[in-house]
Each structure stands twice: as C-alpha cells, then as structure tokens.
PDB file of all heavy atoms in Angstrom:
ATOM      1  N   MET A   1      10.502   4.847   7.257  1.00  0.00           N
ATOM      2  CA  MET A   1      11.738   4.196   7.652  1.00  0.00           C
ATOM      3  C   MET A   1      11.495   2.832   8.289  1.00  0.00           C
ATOM      4  O   MET A   1      12.404   2.004   8.356  1.00  0.00           O
ATOM      5  CB  MET A   1      12.550   5.105   8.582  1.00  0.00           C
ATOM      6  CG  MET A   1      13.077   6.349   7.878  1.00  0.00           C
ATOM      7  SD  MET A   1      14.271   7.301   8.854  1.00  0.00           S
ATOM      8  CE  MET A   1      15.784   6.355   8.590  1.00  0.00           C
ATOM      9  N   ILE A   2      10.245   2.568   8.722  1.00  0.00           N
ATOM     10  CA  ILE A   2       9.937   1.241   9.284  1.00  0.00           C
ATOM     11  C   ILE A   2       8.861   0.493   8.496  1.00  0.00           C
ATOM     12  O   ILE A   2       8.596  -0.668   8.786  1.00  0.00           O
ATOM     13  CB  ILE A   2       9.509   1.343  10.770  1.00  0.00           C
ATOM     14  CG1 ILE A   2       8.254   2.204  10.920  1.00  0.00           C
ATOM     15  CG2 ILE A   2      10.642   1.883  11.625  1.00  0.00           C
ATOM     16  CD1 ILE A   2       7.696   2.201  12.335  1.00  0.00           C
ATOM     17  N   THR A   3       8.267   1.138   7.506  1.00  0.00           N
ATOM     18  CA  THR A   3       7.235   0.495   6.698  1.00  0.00           C
ATOM     19  C   THR A   3       7.772   0.208   5.306  1.00  0.00           C
ATOM     20  O   THR A   3       8.178   1.130   4.598  1.00  0.00           O
ATOM     21  CB  THR A   3       5.985   1.390   6.578  1.00  0.00           C
ATOM     22  OG1 THR A   3       5.465   1.646   7.886  1.00  0.00           O
ATOM     23  CG2 THR A   3       4.916   0.718   5.734  1.00  0.00           C
ATOM     24  N   PRO A   4       7.791  -1.067   4.887  1.00  0.00           N
ATOM     25  CA  PRO A   4       8.322  -1.407   3.560  1.00  0.00           C
ATOM     26  C   PRO A   4       7.538  -0.744   2.435  1.00  0.00           C
ATOM     27  O   PRO A   4       6.394  -0.294   2.611  1.00  0.00           O
ATOM     28  CB  PRO A   4       8.184  -2.930   3.513  1.00  0.00           C
ATOM     29  CG  PRO A   4       8.156  -3.363   4.947  1.00  0.00           C
ATOM     30  CD  PRO A   4       7.439  -2.261   5.667  1.00  0.00           C
ATOM     31  N   ASP A   5       8.172  -0.708   1.248  1.00  0.00           N
ATOM     32  CA  ASP A   5       7.551  -0.114   0.059  1.00  0.00           C
ATOM     33  C   ASP A   5       6.141  -0.673  -0.122  1.00  0.00           C
ATOM     34  O   ASP A   5       5.934  -1.892  -0.139  1.00  0.00           O
ATOM     35  CB  ASP A   5       8.365  -0.436  -1.187  1.00  0.00           C
ATOM     36  CG  ASP A   5       9.765   0.149  -1.129  1.00  0.00           C
ATOM     37  OD1 ASP A   5      10.023   0.978  -0.247  1.00  0.00           O
ATOM     38  OD2 ASP A   5      10.590  -0.224  -1.983  1.00  0.00           O
ATOM     39  N   SER A   6       5.191   0.243  -0.297  1.00  0.00           N
ATOM     40  CA  SER A   6       3.788  -0.148  -0.393  1.00  0.00           C
ATOM     41  C   SER A   6       3.160   0.499  -1.620  1.00  0.00           C
ATOM     42  O   SER A   6       3.454   1.659  -1.943  1.00  0.00           O
ATOM     43  CB  SER A   6       3.019   0.272   0.862  1.00  0.00           C
ATOM     44  OG  SER A   6       3.647  -0.231   2.034  1.00  0.00           O
ATOM     45  N   VAL A   7       2.298  -0.249  -2.288  1.00  0.00           N
ATOM     46  CA  VAL A   7       1.581   0.253  -3.463  1.00  0.00           C
ATOM     47  C   VAL A   7       0.103   0.322  -3.111  1.00  0.00           C
ATOM     48  O   VAL A   7      -0.496  -0.682  -2.687  1.00  0.00           O
ATOM     49  CB  VAL A   7       1.796  -0.653  -4.688  1.00  0.00           C
ATOM     50  CG1 VAL A   7       1.004  -0.132  -5.883  1.00  0.00           C
ATOM     51  CG2 VAL A   7       3.278  -0.746  -5.027  1.00  0.00           C
ATOM     52  N   TYR A   8      -0.479   1.501  -3.291  1.00  0.00           N
ATOM     53  CA  TYR A   8      -1.890   1.726  -2.978  1.00  0.00           C
ATOM     54  C   TYR A   8      -2.629   2.176  -4.228  1.00  0.00           C
ATOM     55  O   TYR A   8      -2.049   2.802  -5.128  1.00  0.00           O
ATOM     56  CB  TYR A   8      -2.051   2.833  -1.930  1.00  0.00           C
ATOM     57  CG  TYR A   8      -1.723   2.454  -0.512  1.00  0.00           C
ATOM     58  CD1 TYR A   8      -0.436   2.624  -0.006  1.00  0.00           C
ATOM     59  CD2 TYR A   8      -2.705   1.948   0.339  1.00  0.00           C
ATOM     60  CE1 TYR A   8      -0.127   2.301   1.307  1.00  0.00           C
ATOM     61  CE2 TYR A   8      -2.406   1.613   1.657  1.00  0.00           C
ATOM     62  CZ  TYR A   8      -1.120   1.796   2.133  1.00  0.00           C
ATOM     63  OH  TYR A   8      -0.823   1.468   3.434  1.00  0.00           O
ATOM     64  N   ASP A   9      -3.910   1.893  -4.262  1.00  0.00           N
ATOM     65  CA  ASP A   9      -4.850   2.589  -5.133  1.00  0.00           C
ATOM     66  C   ASP A   9      -5.704   3.489  -4.251  1.00  0.00           C
ATOM     67  O   ASP A   9      -6.148   3.071  -3.170  1.00  0.00           O
ATOM     68  CB  ASP A   9      -5.750   1.617  -5.898  1.00  0.00           C
ATOM     69  CG  ASP A   9      -5.202   1.278  -7.268  1.00  0.00           C
ATOM     70  OD1 ASP A   9      -4.167   1.855  -7.660  1.00  0.00           O
ATOM     71  OD2 ASP A   9      -5.794   0.418  -7.960  1.00  0.00           O
ATOM     72  N   TYR A  10      -5.902   4.716  -4.727  1.00  0.00           N
ATOM     73  CA  TYR A  10      -6.745   5.670  -3.996  1.00  0.00           C
ATOM     74  C   TYR A  10      -7.985   5.929  -4.823  1.00  0.00           C
ATOM     75  O   TYR A  10      -7.905   6.424  -5.960  1.00  0.00           O
ATOM     76  CB  TYR A  10      -5.987   6.970  -3.745  1.00  0.00           C
ATOM     77  CG  TYR A  10      -6.797   8.027  -3.035  1.00  0.00           C
ATOM     78  CD1 TYR A  10      -7.019   7.970  -1.662  1.00  0.00           C
ATOM     79  CD2 TYR A  10      -7.347   9.101  -3.741  1.00  0.00           C
ATOM     80  CE1 TYR A  10      -7.761   8.937  -1.005  1.00  0.00           C
ATOM     81  CE2 TYR A  10      -8.081  10.081  -3.093  1.00  0.00           C
ATOM     82  CZ  TYR A  10      -8.294   9.995  -1.730  1.00  0.00           C
ATOM     83  OH  TYR A  10      -9.030  10.968  -1.084  1.00  0.00           O
ATOM     84  N   ASP A  11      -9.137   5.572  -4.268  1.00  0.00           N
ATOM     85  CA  ASP A  11     -10.410   5.824  -4.930  1.00  0.00           C
ATOM     86  C   ASP A  11     -10.782   7.288  -4.730  1.00  0.00           C
ATOM     87  O   ASP A  11     -11.051   7.722  -3.597  1.00  0.00           O
ATOM     88  CB  ASP A  11     -11.495   4.912  -4.362  1.00  0.00           C
ATOM     89  CG  ASP A  11     -12.814   5.067  -5.087  1.00  0.00           C
ATOM     90  OD1 ASP A  11     -13.571   6.004  -4.736  1.00  0.00           O
ATOM     91  OD2 ASP A  11     -13.070   4.282  -6.007  1.00  0.00           O
ATOM     92  N   VAL A  12     -10.773   8.049  -5.800  1.00  0.00           N
ATOM     93  CA  VAL A  12     -10.959   9.496  -5.691  1.00  0.00           C
ATOM     94  C   VAL A  12     -12.363   9.829  -5.190  1.00  0.00           C
ATOM     95  O   VAL A  12     -12.533  10.664  -4.295  1.00  0.00           O
ATOM     96  CB  VAL A  12     -10.685  10.178  -7.049  1.00  0.00           C
ATOM     97  CG1 VAL A  12     -10.995  11.672  -6.972  1.00  0.00           C
ATOM     98  CG2 VAL A  12      -9.237   9.954  -7.476  1.00  0.00           C
ATOM     99  N   ALA A  13     -13.359   9.180  -5.722  1.00  0.00           N
ATOM    100  CA  ALA A  13     -14.736   9.485  -5.310  1.00  0.00           C
ATOM    101  C   ALA A  13     -14.984   9.079  -3.866  1.00  0.00           C
ATOM    102  O   ALA A  13     -15.625   9.806  -3.099  1.00  0.00           O
ATOM    103  CB  ALA A  13     -15.728   8.786  -6.238  1.00  0.00           C
ATOM    104  N   GLY A  14     -14.466   7.931  -3.461  1.00  0.00           N
ATOM    105  CA  GLY A  14     -14.716   7.446  -2.108  1.00  0.00           C
ATOM    106  C   GLY A  14     -13.682   7.873  -1.094  1.00  0.00           C
ATOM    107  O   GLY A  14     -13.824   7.592   0.102  1.00  0.00           O
ATOM    108  N   ALA A  15     -12.618   8.559  -1.553  1.00  0.00           N
ATOM    109  CA  ALA A  15     -11.541   9.034  -0.672  1.00  0.00           C
ATOM    110  C   ALA A  15     -11.005   7.898   0.205  1.00  0.00           C
ATOM    111  O   ALA A  15     -10.815   8.050   1.411  1.00  0.00           O
ATOM    112  CB  ALA A  15     -12.018  10.200   0.195  1.00  0.00           C
ATOM    113  N   ALA A  16     -10.758   6.745  -0.447  1.00  0.00           N
ATOM    114  CA  ALA A  16     -10.321   5.571   0.311  1.00  0.00           C
ATOM    115  C   ALA A  16      -9.052   4.988  -0.291  1.00  0.00           C
ATOM    116  O   ALA A  16      -8.918   4.879  -1.516  1.00  0.00           O
ATOM    117  CB  ALA A  16     -11.419   4.513   0.327  1.00  0.00           C
ATOM    118  N   LEU A  17      -8.142   4.593   0.590  1.00  0.00           N
ATOM    119  CA  LEU A  17      -6.909   3.924   0.176  1.00  0.00           C
ATOM    120  C   LEU A  17      -7.093   2.416   0.215  1.00  0.00           C
ATOM    121  O   LEU A  17      -7.656   1.871   1.171  1.00  0.00           O
ATOM    122  CB  LEU A  17      -5.751   4.310   1.103  1.00  0.00           C
ATOM    123  CG  LEU A  17      -5.079   5.660   0.883  1.00  0.00           C
ATOM    124  CD1 LEU A  17      -4.137   5.961   2.048  1.00  0.00           C
ATOM    125  CD2 LEU A  17      -4.311   5.685  -0.433  1.00  0.00           C
ATOM    126  N   GLU A  18      -6.582   1.743  -0.808  1.00  0.00           N
ATOM    127  CA  GLU A  18      -6.592   0.281  -0.852  1.00  0.00           C
ATOM    128  C   GLU A  18      -5.162  -0.210  -1.047  1.00  0.00           C
ATOM    129  O   GLU A  18      -4.514   0.125  -2.045  1.00  0.00           O
ATOM    130  CB  GLU A  18      -7.471  -0.214  -1.998  1.00  0.00           C
ATOM    131  CG  GLU A  18      -7.464  -1.730  -2.143  1.00  0.00           C
ATOM    132  CD  GLU A  18      -8.161  -2.205  -3.408  1.00  0.00           C
ATOM    133  OE1 GLU A  18      -8.622  -1.355  -4.200  1.00  0.00           O
ATOM    134  OE2 GLU A  18      -8.225  -3.432  -3.611  1.00  0.00           O
ATOM    135  N   LEU A  19      -4.664  -0.988  -0.095  1.00  0.00           N
ATOM    136  CA  LEU A  19      -3.311  -1.535  -0.205  1.00  0.00           C
ATOM    137  C   LEU A  19      -3.316  -2.687  -1.201  1.00  0.00           C
ATOM    138  O   LEU A  19      -4.007  -3.683  -1.014  1.00  0.00           O
ATOM    139  CB  LEU A  19      -2.816  -2.022   1.159  1.00  0.00           C
ATOM    140  CG  LEU A  19      -1.413  -2.647   1.177  1.00  0.00           C
ATOM    141  CD1 LEU A  19      -0.353  -1.620   0.801  1.00  0.00           C
ATOM    142  CD2 LEU A  19      -1.115  -3.234   2.563  1.00  0.00           C
ATOM    143  N   LEU A  20      -2.527  -2.544  -2.275  1.00  0.00           N
ATOM    144  CA  LEU A  20      -2.441  -3.581  -3.298  1.00  0.00           C
ATOM    145  C   LEU A  20      -1.262  -4.516  -3.071  1.00  0.00           C
ATOM    146  O   LEU A  20      -1.344  -5.704  -3.372  1.00  0.00           O
ATOM    147  CB  LEU A  20      -2.312  -2.941  -4.690  1.00  0.00           C
ATOM    148  CG  LEU A  20      -3.412  -1.978  -5.110  1.00  0.00           C
ATOM    149  CD1 LEU A  20      -3.118  -1.430  -6.499  1.00  0.00           C
ATOM    150  CD2 LEU A  20      -4.778  -2.645  -5.076  1.00  0.00           C
ATOM    151  N   LYS A  21      -0.181  -3.978  -2.558  1.00  0.00           N
ATOM    152  CA  LYS A  21       1.027  -4.799  -2.394  1.00  0.00           C
ATOM    153  C   LYS A  21       1.965  -4.091  -1.422  1.00  0.00           C
ATOM    154  O   LYS A  21       2.112  -2.863  -1.464  1.00  0.00           O
ATOM    155  CB  LYS A  21       1.724  -4.981  -3.744  1.00  0.00           C
ATOM    156  CG  LYS A  21       3.018  -5.802  -3.710  1.00  0.00           C
ATOM    157  CD  LYS A  21       3.658  -5.839  -5.105  1.00  0.00           C
ATOM    158  CE  LYS A  21       5.014  -6.507  -5.096  1.00  0.00           C
ATOM    159  NZ  LYS A  21       4.920  -7.974  -4.946  1.00  0.00           N
ATOM    160  N   GLN A  22       2.574  -4.867  -0.553  1.00  0.00           N
ATOM    161  CA  GLN A  22       3.638  -4.360   0.297  1.00  0.00           C
ATOM    162  C   GLN A  22       4.852  -5.259   0.127  1.00  0.00           C
ATOM    163  O   GLN A  22       4.718  -6.478   0.025  1.00  0.00           O
ATOM    164  CB  GLN A  22       3.217  -4.314   1.765  1.00  0.00           C
ATOM    165  CG  GLN A  22       4.227  -3.612   2.663  1.00  0.00           C
ATOM    166  CD  GLN A  22       3.678  -3.355   4.062  1.00  0.00           C
ATOM    167  OE1 GLN A  22       3.732  -4.226   4.922  1.00  0.00           O
ATOM    168  NE2 GLN A  22       3.144  -2.160   4.285  1.00  0.00           N
ATOM    169  N   GLN A  23       6.002  -4.646   0.077  1.00  0.00           N
ATOM    170  CA  GLN A  23       7.245  -5.376  -0.125  1.00  0.00           C
ATOM    171  C   GLN A  23       7.356  -6.534   0.857  1.00  0.00           C
ATOM    172  O   GLN A  23       7.235  -6.356   2.063  1.00  0.00           O
ATOM    173  CB  GLN A  23       8.430  -4.426   0.047  1.00  0.00           C
ATOM    174  CG  GLN A  23       9.794  -5.070  -0.077  1.00  0.00           C
ATOM    175  CD  GLN A  23      10.908  -4.076   0.191  1.00  0.00           C
ATOM    176  OE1 GLN A  23      10.661  -2.895   0.433  1.00  0.00           O
ATOM    177  NE2 GLN A  23      12.142  -4.539   0.142  1.00  0.00           N
ATOM    178  N   GLU A  24       7.570  -7.718   0.315  1.00  0.00           N
ATOM    179  CA  GLU A  24       7.742  -8.910   1.146  1.00  0.00           C
ATOM    180  C   GLU A  24       9.208  -9.048   1.554  1.00  0.00           C
ATOM    181  O   GLU A  24      10.110  -8.795   0.760  1.00  0.00           O
ATOM    182  CB  GLU A  24       7.306 -10.162   0.385  1.00  0.00           C
ATOM    183  CG  GLU A  24       5.825 -10.211   0.072  1.00  0.00           C
ATOM    184  CD  GLU A  24       5.461 -11.489  -0.658  1.00  0.00           C
ATOM    185  OE1 GLU A  24       5.866 -12.578  -0.192  1.00  0.00           O
ATOM    186  OE2 GLU A  24       4.779 -11.405  -1.696  1.00  0.00           O
ATOM    187  N   ILE A  25       9.431  -9.484   2.784  1.00  0.00           N
ATOM    188  CA  ILE A  25      10.780  -9.715   3.291  1.00  0.00           C
ATOM    189  C   ILE A  25      10.832 -11.168   3.736  1.00  0.00           C
ATOM    190  O   ILE A  25      10.438 -11.515   4.856  1.00  0.00           O
ATOM    191  CB  ILE A  25      11.121  -8.745   4.438  1.00  0.00           C
ATOM    192  CG1 ILE A  25      10.958  -7.302   3.941  1.00  0.00           C
ATOM    193  CG2 ILE A  25      12.537  -8.991   4.959  1.00  0.00           C
ATOM    194  CD1 ILE A  25      11.128  -6.254   4.999  1.00  0.00           C
ATOM    195  N   PRO A  26      11.296 -12.056   2.834  1.00  0.00           N
ATOM    196  CA  PRO A  26      11.185 -13.502   3.095  1.00  0.00           C
ATOM    197  C   PRO A  26      11.842 -13.961   4.387  1.00  0.00           C
ATOM    198  O   PRO A  26      11.348 -14.892   5.038  1.00  0.00           O
ATOM    199  CB  PRO A  26      11.872 -14.128   1.874  1.00  0.00           C
ATOM    200  CG  PRO A  26      11.724 -13.096   0.800  1.00  0.00           C
ATOM    201  CD  PRO A  26      11.830 -11.780   1.495  1.00  0.00           C
ATOM    202  N   SER A  27      12.960 -13.332   4.768  1.00  0.00           N
ATOM    203  CA  SER A  27      13.651 -13.783   5.978  1.00  0.00           C
ATOM    204  C   SER A  27      12.965 -13.305   7.251  1.00  0.00           C
ATOM    205  O   SER A  27      13.362 -13.691   8.354  1.00  0.00           O
ATOM    206  CB  SER A  27      15.104 -13.304   5.962  1.00  0.00           C
ATOM    207  OG  SER A  27      15.169 -11.890   5.942  1.00  0.00           O
TER     208      SER A  27
END
C-alpha cells in the first residue's frame, strides 16, 4: 500500500532478488 509497483528478477540458484524497475511518480 506504500510501495509502488515493482518488477523483480529472482535468481533461483542464488536465492536473490534483483529490482529491475519500480513505478516512477513524476510529481
């Protein structure tokens, strides 16, 4: 509810999340 839409890749072997993009709010 306070974190904008986020797109992650999850590396299965390394069990690590990588943030690829988070919704930008220009204003």
